[in-house]
Amino acid sequence: MRRSGSKERIRQFLLAHIGEIVTSTQIRDAAGANVIEWARRVRELRYEEGWSIITHNDTIHLKPGQYILKEKPAEKIGVKFMRGISAKLRSEVLEHDGFTCQMCGLTPGEIDPNTGRKVCLHLGHIKDKSLGGKDELSNLRALCSSCYQGAKNITWEKPTSVWLLSQIRRASQEEQRAVYEWFSKKFGE
């Protein structure tokens, strides 16, 4: 007999606890011991399958790490497949962005100061799909895990060189030196 996937285990757990507050630890445990992408599965249920999963971002009655499946989801009427971003487009975006997070400047392999983990890059939409954004080079950017998690539905434009220089000029000499060292490391000069 085939073992159910982590998303199915999370689905069954949430269905068994409709209307109850559940924690991220409980969901992670329901997903399975070796599953590290449990939060992604929850987002897929919420955004791709339309489940009414409420978090602390939706109501003040929940603390971070708490979730509620508000009601039983509607029965599926046919199968809807989401078309993913192709490997070709993914590589074009990463190459275009210099394999660098476009929000914080971290690159793969560096240690993220927020998490203490090595940086992994994801693709994020500049204008989110829920706001009409498309899966195209001009609307995609490389983001580290920390920035990707915080960037949902944010439509920041890339800063101009004039703005960047003005910020660097305002910074202390120590901060300016850190920027110089980062550029020297990035461009090998």
Protein backbone atom coordinates (compact mmCIF):
# COMPACT_ATOMS: atom_id res chain seq x y z
CA MET A 1 0.00 0.00 0.00
CA ARG A 2 1.32 3.41 -0.95
CA ARG A 3 2.09 5.81 1.88
CA SER A 4 0.25 9.15 1.74
CA GLY A 5 2.25 12.31 1.02
CA SER A 6 2.87 15.08 3.52
CA LYS A 7 0.23 17.32 1.96
CA GLU A 8 -2.40 14.61 2.28
CA ARG A 9 -1.42 13.98 5.91
CA ILE A 10 -1.73 17.73 6.63
CA ARG A 11 -5.07 17.78 4.78
CA GLN A 12 -6.41 14.93 6.95
CA PHE A 13 -5.09 16.53 10.16
CA LEU A 14 -6.76 19.88 9.40
CA LEU A 15 -10.03 18.20 8.44
CA ALA A 16 -10.02 16.40 11.80
CA HIS A 17 -9.60 19.77 13.58
CA ILE A 18 -11.99 22.11 11.71
CA GLY A 19 -12.65 25.26 13.75
CA GLU A 20 -9.93 24.45 16.31
CA ILE A 21 -6.69 26.33 16.87
CA VAL A 22 -3.76 24.13 15.85
CA THR A 23 -0.07 24.97 16.11
CA SER A 24 2.72 24.84 13.59
CA THR A 25 4.30 22.07 15.70
CA GLN A 26 1.15 19.95 15.43
CA ILE A 27 0.98 20.49 11.67
CA ARG A 28 4.68 19.70 11.29
CA ASP A 29 4.25 16.50 13.31
CA ALA A 30 1.21 15.54 11.21
CA ALA A 31 3.23 16.10 8.01
CA GLY A 32 5.89 13.63 9.11
CA ALA A 33 9.21 13.56 10.94
CA ASN A 34 11.45 14.28 7.95
CA VAL A 35 9.24 16.83 6.19
CA ILE A 36 10.80 20.31 6.14
CA GLU A 37 8.43 21.92 3.61
CA TRP A 38 5.26 21.56 5.69
CA ALA A 39 4.54 25.31 5.63
CA ARG A 40 4.65 25.27 1.83
CA ARG A 41 2.07 22.48 1.79
CA VAL A 42 -0.19 24.60 4.04
CA ARG A 43 0.20 27.57 1.66
CA GLU A 44 -0.65 25.31 -1.28
CA LEU A 45 -3.85 24.20 0.46
CA ARG A 46 -4.71 27.82 1.21
CA TYR A 47 -3.82 29.56 -2.04
CA GLU A 48 -4.02 26.84 -4.69
CA GLU A 49 -6.90 24.77 -3.33
CA GLY A 50 -8.84 27.60 -1.68
CA TRP A 51 -8.93 26.23 1.87
CA SER A 52 -10.00 28.82 4.47
CA ILE A 53 -6.93 28.46 6.70
CA ILE A 54 -6.65 31.48 9.01
CA THR A 55 -3.31 32.64 10.52
CA HIS A 56 -2.18 35.43 12.83
CA ASN A 57 -1.84 37.62 9.71
CA ASP A 58 -5.61 37.36 9.20
CA THR A 59 -6.89 37.92 12.75
CA ILE A 60 -5.64 39.33 16.05
CA HIS A 61 -7.13 36.34 17.86
CA LEU A 62 -4.27 34.06 16.78
CA LYS A 63 -0.63 34.13 17.82
CA PRO A 64 2.21 33.48 15.36
CA GLY A 65 2.39 29.75 14.67
CA GLN A 66 -1.33 29.19 15.18
CA TYR A 67 -3.78 28.19 12.45
CA ILE A 68 -7.50 27.51 12.11
CA LEU A 69 -9.23 25.70 9.27
CA LYS A 70 -12.39 27.80 9.43
CA GLU A 71 -14.69 25.43 7.54
CA LYS A 72 -14.69 22.25 5.52
CA PRO A 73 -13.44 23.05 2.02
CA ALA A 74 -15.81 22.71 -0.92
CA GLU A 75 -15.63 19.48 -2.87
CA LYS A 76 -13.33 19.62 -5.89
CA ILE A 77 -15.10 19.98 -9.20
CA GLY A 78 -12.52 18.50 -11.50
CA VAL A 79 -8.76 18.81 -11.24
CA LYS A 80 -7.04 22.15 -11.64
CA PHE A 81 -3.34 22.06 -12.43
CA MET A 82 -1.16 25.06 -11.69
CA ARG A 83 1.47 25.58 -14.36
CA GLY A 84 4.81 25.99 -12.66
CA ILE A 85 7.66 28.19 -13.75
CA SER A 86 9.79 26.37 -16.31
CA ALA A 87 13.39 25.46 -15.56
CA LYS A 88 14.47 27.68 -18.48
CA LEU A 89 12.67 30.74 -17.09
CA ARG A 90 13.94 29.95 -13.59
CA SER A 91 17.54 29.89 -14.80
CA GLU A 92 17.02 33.10 -16.82
CA VAL A 93 15.74 34.93 -13.72
CA LEU A 94 18.59 33.70 -11.52
CA GLU A 95 21.15 34.64 -14.19
CA HIS A 96 19.50 38.04 -14.73
CA ASP A 97 19.63 38.73 -10.98
CA GLY A 98 23.21 37.54 -10.61
CA PHE A 99 22.21 34.71 -8.26
CA THR A 100 21.60 37.39 -5.61
CA CYS A 101 18.55 38.12 -3.45
CA GLN A 102 17.06 41.27 -4.90
CA MET A 103 15.87 42.53 -1.51
CA CYS A 104 18.78 41.94 0.88
CA GLY A 105 21.71 41.11 -1.42
CA LEU A 106 22.55 37.69 0.03
CA THR A 107 23.82 34.95 -2.28
CA PRO A 108 23.54 31.15 -2.07
CA GLY A 109 25.93 29.61 0.43
CA GLU A 110 26.21 32.74 2.59
CA ILE A 111 24.83 32.50 6.12
CA ASP A 112 21.52 34.34 6.55
CA PRO A 113 21.90 36.51 9.67
CA ASN A 114 18.15 36.15 10.37
CA THR A 115 18.09 32.36 10.45
CA GLY A 116 21.72 31.25 10.82
CA ARG A 117 21.21 28.92 7.82
CA LYS A 118 22.82 28.89 4.41
CA VAL A 119 20.95 31.04 1.91
CA CYS A 120 18.69 29.38 -0.68
CA LEU A 121 17.17 31.40 -3.49
CA HIS A 122 13.53 31.26 -4.61
CA LEU A 123 11.68 33.05 -7.37
CA GLY A 124 9.21 35.68 -6.28
CA HIS A 125 6.80 37.79 -8.26
CA ILE A 126 7.32 41.56 -8.27
CA LYS A 127 3.60 42.02 -8.84
CA ASP A 128 1.97 39.04 -7.14
CA LYS A 129 -0.12 36.63 -9.21
CA SER A 130 -3.12 37.35 -6.98
CA LEU A 131 -2.86 40.98 -8.14
CA GLY A 132 -2.57 40.05 -11.82
CA GLY A 133 1.20 39.50 -12.10
CA LYS A 134 2.50 37.12 -14.76
CA ASP A 135 5.14 34.38 -14.81
CA GLU A 136 7.59 36.29 -17.00
CA LEU A 137 11.17 37.50 -16.68
CA SER A 138 10.17 41.14 -16.13
CA ASN A 139 7.91 40.17 -13.19
CA LEU A 140 10.14 37.64 -11.42
CA ARG A 141 13.07 38.15 -9.09
CA ALA A 142 15.43 36.07 -6.99
CA LEU A 143 14.71 36.17 -3.24
CA CYS A 144 16.33 34.41 -0.29
CA SER A 145 14.08 32.37 1.99
CA SER A 146 13.71 35.16 4.58
CA CYS A 147 12.78 37.81 2.02
CA TYR A 148 10.57 35.38 0.09
CA GLN A 149 8.51 34.62 3.20
CA GLY A 150 8.07 38.30 3.96
CA ALA A 151 7.44 39.45 0.38
CA LYS A 152 3.97 37.99 -0.26
CA ASN A 153 1.87 40.55 -2.15
CA ILE A 154 4.53 43.27 -1.83
CA THR A 155 5.12 45.10 -5.09
CA TRP A 156 8.30 47.01 -4.37
CA GLU A 157 10.06 48.41 -7.37
CA LYS A 158 13.82 48.00 -7.67
CA PRO A 159 15.66 51.00 -6.23
CA THR A 160 17.39 53.38 -8.62
CA SER A 161 21.14 53.93 -8.52
CA VAL A 162 20.55 57.54 -7.40
CA TRP A 163 18.49 56.34 -4.43
CA LEU A 164 21.03 53.64 -3.52
CA LEU A 165 23.92 56.12 -3.64
CA SER A 166 21.98 58.58 -1.48
CA GLN A 167 21.45 55.86 1.14
CA ILE A 168 25.13 54.88 1.09
CA ARG A 169 26.21 58.53 1.42
CA ARG A 170 23.97 58.91 4.49
CA ALA A 171 25.44 55.82 6.17
CA SER A 172 28.33 55.82 8.63
CA GLN A 173 31.87 55.18 7.40
CA GLU A 174 31.69 51.70 8.94
CA GLU A 175 28.52 50.91 6.97
CA GLN A 176 30.02 52.40 3.79
CA ARG A 177 33.10 50.20 4.28
CA ALA A 178 30.83 47.13 4.66
CA VAL A 179 29.09 48.06 1.37
CA TYR A 180 32.48 48.52 -0.32
CA GLU A 181 33.68 45.13 0.94
CA TRP A 182 30.47 43.47 -0.24
CA PHE A 183 30.84 44.99 -3.74
CA SER A 184 34.54 44.03 -3.84
CA LYS A 185 33.67 40.45 -2.92
CA LYS A 186 30.77 40.32 -5.40
CA PHE A 187 32.67 41.77 -8.34
CA GLY A 188 36.11 40.39 -7.44
CA GLU A 189 37.95 43.69 -7.29
